[in-house]
Amino acid sequence: MPLFAQQPPPAGPPGAQPPGTEDGGNSTTLERVAQKTEPPRLFQVLMLNDDFTPMEFVVMVLQEYFRHDLDTATQIMLKIHHEGRGVCGVFTKDVAATKVEMVSAAARRAGHPLQCIMEAA
């Protein structure tokens, strides 16, 4: 059996086209399938309190890596100090993981035990 069978010509006088077609019935209509996309999951970057990392270092990290102004960075630092943890920012997974690594590396270079983690928002 042939893979491509020739279809018989449309009924009617020679050169006549079926109603609604301008190209002689040789067109193909594709249905557009709506794709459903979801926004990326978000993750919180959190800093955890410890008894050794100076508050000034935490404020500096919040300003440098999370672009908080001095007042906001100070408020977040105090929340970390009093409640044991504080949200530094909310990002997509890749960005959050990068921020966690950058903060952890900065803390290691400075000799501080500051811990930074991420969790689903």
C-alpha atoms as a PDB file:
ATOM      1  CA  MET A   1       0.000   0.000   0.000  1.00  0.00           C
ATOM      2  CA  PRO A   2       1.477   3.392  -0.944  1.00  0.00           C
ATOM      3  CA  LEU A   3       2.369   5.823   1.822  1.00  0.00           C
ATOM      4  CA  PHE A   4       0.944   8.797  -0.032  1.00  0.00           C
ATOM      5  CA  ALA A   5      -2.254   8.206  -1.894  1.00  0.00           C
ATOM      6  CA  GLN A   6      -3.410  10.701  -4.477  1.00  0.00           C
ATOM      7  CA  GLN A   7      -6.800  12.153  -3.672  1.00  0.00           C
ATOM      8  CA  PRO A   8      -9.388  12.459  -6.400  1.00  0.00           C
ATOM      9  CA  PRO A   9      -9.965  15.979  -7.731  1.00  0.00           C
ATOM     10  CA  PRO A  10     -12.869  17.903  -6.190  1.00  0.00           C
ATOM     11  CA  ALA A  11     -16.242  17.497  -7.851  1.00  0.00           C
ATOM     12  CA  GLY A  12     -17.472  20.327 -10.020  1.00  0.00           C
ATOM     13  CA  PRO A  13     -16.464  22.056 -13.209  1.00  0.00           C
ATOM     14  CA  PRO A  14     -12.736  22.193 -14.039  1.00  0.00           C
ATOM     15  CA  GLY A  15     -11.032  25.093 -12.248  1.00  0.00           C
ATOM     16  CA  ALA A  16     -13.873  25.499  -9.736  1.00  0.00           C
ATOM     17  CA  GLN A  17     -12.840  25.742  -6.109  1.00  0.00           C
ATOM     18  CA  PRO A  18     -14.749  24.464  -3.099  1.00  0.00           C
ATOM     19  CA  PRO A  19     -16.432  27.266  -1.151  1.00  0.00           C
ATOM     20  CA  GLY A  20     -14.074  29.127   1.224  1.00  0.00           C
ATOM     21  CA  THR A  21     -10.810  28.100  -0.460  1.00  0.00           C
ATOM     22  CA  GLU A  22      -8.776  30.356  -2.681  1.00  0.00           C
ATOM     23  CA  ASP A  23      -5.823  28.045  -3.335  1.00  0.00           C
ATOM     24  CA  GLY A  24      -7.681  25.171  -4.928  1.00  0.00           C
ATOM     25  CA  GLY A  25      -8.121  23.171  -1.720  1.00  0.00           C
ATOM     26  CA  ASN A  26      -4.386  22.554  -1.270  1.00  0.00           C
ATOM     27  CA  SER A  27      -4.043  24.370   2.060  1.00  0.00           C
ATOM     28  CA  THR A  28      -3.634  22.816   5.472  1.00  0.00           C
ATOM     29  CA  THR A  29      -5.127  24.376   8.550  1.00  0.00           C
ATOM     30  CA  LEU A  30      -3.238  23.872  11.797  1.00  0.00           C
ATOM     31  CA  GLU A  31      -4.955  24.184  15.117  1.00  0.00           C
ATOM     32  CA  ARG A  32      -3.201  26.363  17.615  1.00  0.00           C
ATOM     33  CA  VAL A  33      -2.763  24.550  20.910  1.00  0.00           C
ATOM     34  CA  ALA A  34      -2.553  26.901  23.857  1.00  0.00           C
ATOM     35  CA  GLN A  35       0.475  26.171  25.980  1.00  0.00           C
ATOM     36  CA  LYS A  36       0.104  26.608  29.683  1.00  0.00           C
ATOM     37  CA  THR A  37       3.217  27.965  31.310  1.00  0.00           C
ATOM     38  CA  GLU A  38       3.632  28.480  35.004  1.00  0.00           C
ATOM     39  CA  PRO A  39       5.793  31.130  36.591  1.00  0.00           C
ATOM     40  CA  PRO A  40       9.012  29.782  38.115  1.00  0.00           C
ATOM     41  CA  ARG A  41       8.912  28.712  41.760  1.00  0.00           C
ATOM     42  CA  LEU A  42      10.329  31.234  44.172  1.00  0.00           C
ATOM     43  CA  PHE A  43      12.739  30.625  47.035  1.00  0.00           C
ATOM     44  CA  GLN A  44      13.553  32.700  50.111  1.00  0.00           C
ATOM     45  CA  VAL A  45      17.145  33.337  51.020  1.00  0.00           C
ATOM     46  CA  LEU A  46      17.512  33.346  54.800  1.00  0.00           C
ATOM     47  CA  MET A  47      20.361  34.172  57.133  1.00  0.00           C
ATOM     48  CA  LEU A  48      20.643  32.380  60.447  1.00  0.00           C
ATOM     49  CA  ASN A  49      21.767  33.961  63.694  1.00  0.00           C
ATOM     50  CA  ASP A  50      24.988  32.975  65.386  1.00  0.00           C
ATOM     51  CA  ASP A  51      26.850  34.413  68.374  1.00  0.00           C
ATOM     52  CA  PHE A  52      30.063  35.257  66.531  1.00  0.00           C
ATOM     53  CA  THR A  53      29.340  37.122  63.264  1.00  0.00           C
ATOM     54  CA  PRO A  54      29.411  40.895  63.848  1.00  0.00           C
ATOM     55  CA  MET A  55      26.189  42.753  63.167  1.00  0.00           C
ATOM     56  CA  GLU A  56      28.081  45.196  60.943  1.00  0.00           C
ATOM     57  CA  PHE A  57      29.170  42.329  58.685  1.00  0.00           C
ATOM     58  CA  VAL A  58      25.574  41.113  58.329  1.00  0.00           C
ATOM     59  CA  VAL A  59      24.421  44.632  57.407  1.00  0.00           C
ATOM     60  CA  MET A  60      27.243  44.927  54.875  1.00  0.00           C
ATOM     61  CA  VAL A  61      26.282  41.577  53.282  1.00  0.00           C
ATOM     62  CA  LEU A  62      22.632  42.628  53.083  1.00  0.00           C
ATOM     63  CA  GLN A  63      23.622  45.857  51.369  1.00  0.00           C
ATOM     64  CA  GLU A  64      26.203  44.390  49.013  1.00  0.00           C
ATOM     65  CA  TYR A  65      24.575  41.123  47.926  1.00  0.00           C
ATOM     66  CA  PHE A  66      20.875  41.926  48.324  1.00  0.00           C
ATOM     67  CA  ARG A  67      20.927  45.673  47.486  1.00  0.00           C
ATOM     68  CA  HIS A  68      19.098  46.769  50.646  1.00  0.00           C
ATOM     69  CA  ASP A  69      19.519  50.316  51.883  1.00  0.00           C
ATOM     70  CA  LEU A  70      21.079  50.891  55.312  1.00  0.00           C
ATOM     71  CA  ASP A  71      17.762  51.153  57.187  1.00  0.00           C
ATOM     72  CA  THR A  72      16.263  48.020  55.625  1.00  0.00           C
ATOM     73  CA  ALA A  73      19.494  46.060  56.095  1.00  0.00           C
ATOM     74  CA  THR A  74      19.600  47.087  59.756  1.00  0.00           C
ATOM     75  CA  GLN A  75      15.973  46.017  60.291  1.00  0.00           C
ATOM     76  CA  ILE A  76      16.627  42.617  58.684  1.00  0.00           C
ATOM     77  CA  MET A  77      19.804  42.181  60.753  1.00  0.00           C
ATOM     78  CA  LEU A  78      17.865  42.915  63.965  1.00  0.00           C
ATOM     79  CA  LYS A  79      15.172  40.413  62.956  1.00  0.00           C
ATOM     80  CA  ILE A  80      17.882  37.797  62.413  1.00  0.00           C
ATOM     81  CA  HIS A  81      19.426  38.679  65.783  1.00  0.00           C
ATOM     82  CA  HIS A  82      16.168  38.549  67.757  1.00  0.00           C
ATOM     83  CA  GLU A  83      14.233  35.806  65.960  1.00  0.00           C
ATOM     84  CA  GLY A  84      17.109  33.562  64.878  1.00  0.00           C
ATOM     85  CA  ARG A  85      16.551  33.955  61.142  1.00  0.00           C
ATOM     86  CA  GLY A  86      15.488  36.551  58.622  1.00  0.00           C
ATOM     87  CA  VAL A  87      14.507  36.740  54.969  1.00  0.00           C
ATOM     88  CA  CYS A  88      17.071  38.557  52.848  1.00  0.00           C
ATOM     89  CA  GLY A  89      15.131  38.287  49.592  1.00  0.00           C
ATOM     90  CA  VAL A  90      12.932  36.099  47.383  1.00  0.00           C
ATOM     91  CA  PHE A  91      14.296  34.851  44.062  1.00  0.00           C
ATOM     92  CA  THR A  92      14.041  32.107  41.470  1.00  0.00           C
ATOM     93  CA  LYS A  93      15.879  28.900  42.352  1.00  0.00           C
ATOM     94  CA  ASP A  94      19.084  29.604  40.426  1.00  0.00           C
ATOM     95  CA  VAL A  95      19.396  33.175  41.664  1.00  0.00           C
ATOM     96  CA  ALA A  96      18.673  32.123  45.271  1.00  0.00           C
ATOM     97  CA  ALA A  97      21.304  29.366  45.113  1.00  0.00           C
ATOM     98  CA  THR A  98      23.847  31.836  43.728  1.00  0.00           C
ATOM     99  CA  LYS A  99      23.113  34.354  46.499  1.00  0.00           C
ATOM    100  CA  VAL A 100      23.495  31.656  49.168  1.00  0.00           C
ATOM    101  CA  GLU A 101      26.874  30.643  47.735  1.00  0.00           C
ATOM    102  CA  MET A 102      28.081  34.242  47.445  1.00  0.00           C
ATOM    103  CA  VAL A 103      27.140  35.045  51.059  1.00  0.00           C
ATOM    104  CA  SER A 104      28.673  31.804  52.348  1.00  0.00           C
ATOM    105  CA  ALA A 105      31.900  32.478  50.444  1.00  0.00           C
ATOM    106  CA  ALA A 106      32.088  36.060  51.766  1.00  0.00           C
ATOM    107  CA  ALA A 107      31.570  34.816  55.329  1.00  0.00           C
ATOM    108  CA  ARG A 108      34.305  32.188  54.934  1.00  0.00           C
ATOM    109  CA  ARG A 109      36.739  34.763  53.505  1.00  0.00           C
ATOM    110  CA  ALA A 110      36.047  37.040  56.470  1.00  0.00           C
ATOM    111  CA  GLY A 111      36.384  34.156  58.923  1.00  0.00           C
ATOM    112  CA  HIS A 112      32.768  34.293  60.148  1.00  0.00           C
ATOM    113  CA  PRO A 113      30.474  31.299  60.727  1.00  0.00           C
ATOM    114  CA  LEU A 114      27.464  33.080  59.157  1.00  0.00           C
ATOM    115  CA  GLN A 115      25.005  30.607  57.639  1.00  0.00           C
ATOM    116  CA  CYS A 116      22.801  31.398  54.696  1.00  0.00           C
ATOM    117  CA  ILE A 117      20.144  28.984  53.405  1.00  0.00           C
ATOM    118  CA  MET A 118      17.289  28.917  50.921  1.00  0.00           C
ATOM    119  CA  GLU A 119      13.836  27.410  51.184  1.00  0.00           C
ATOM    120  CA  ALA A 120      10.685  27.401  49.070  1.00  0.00           C
ATOM    121  CA  ALA A 121       8.691  30.591  49.483  1.00  0.00           C
END
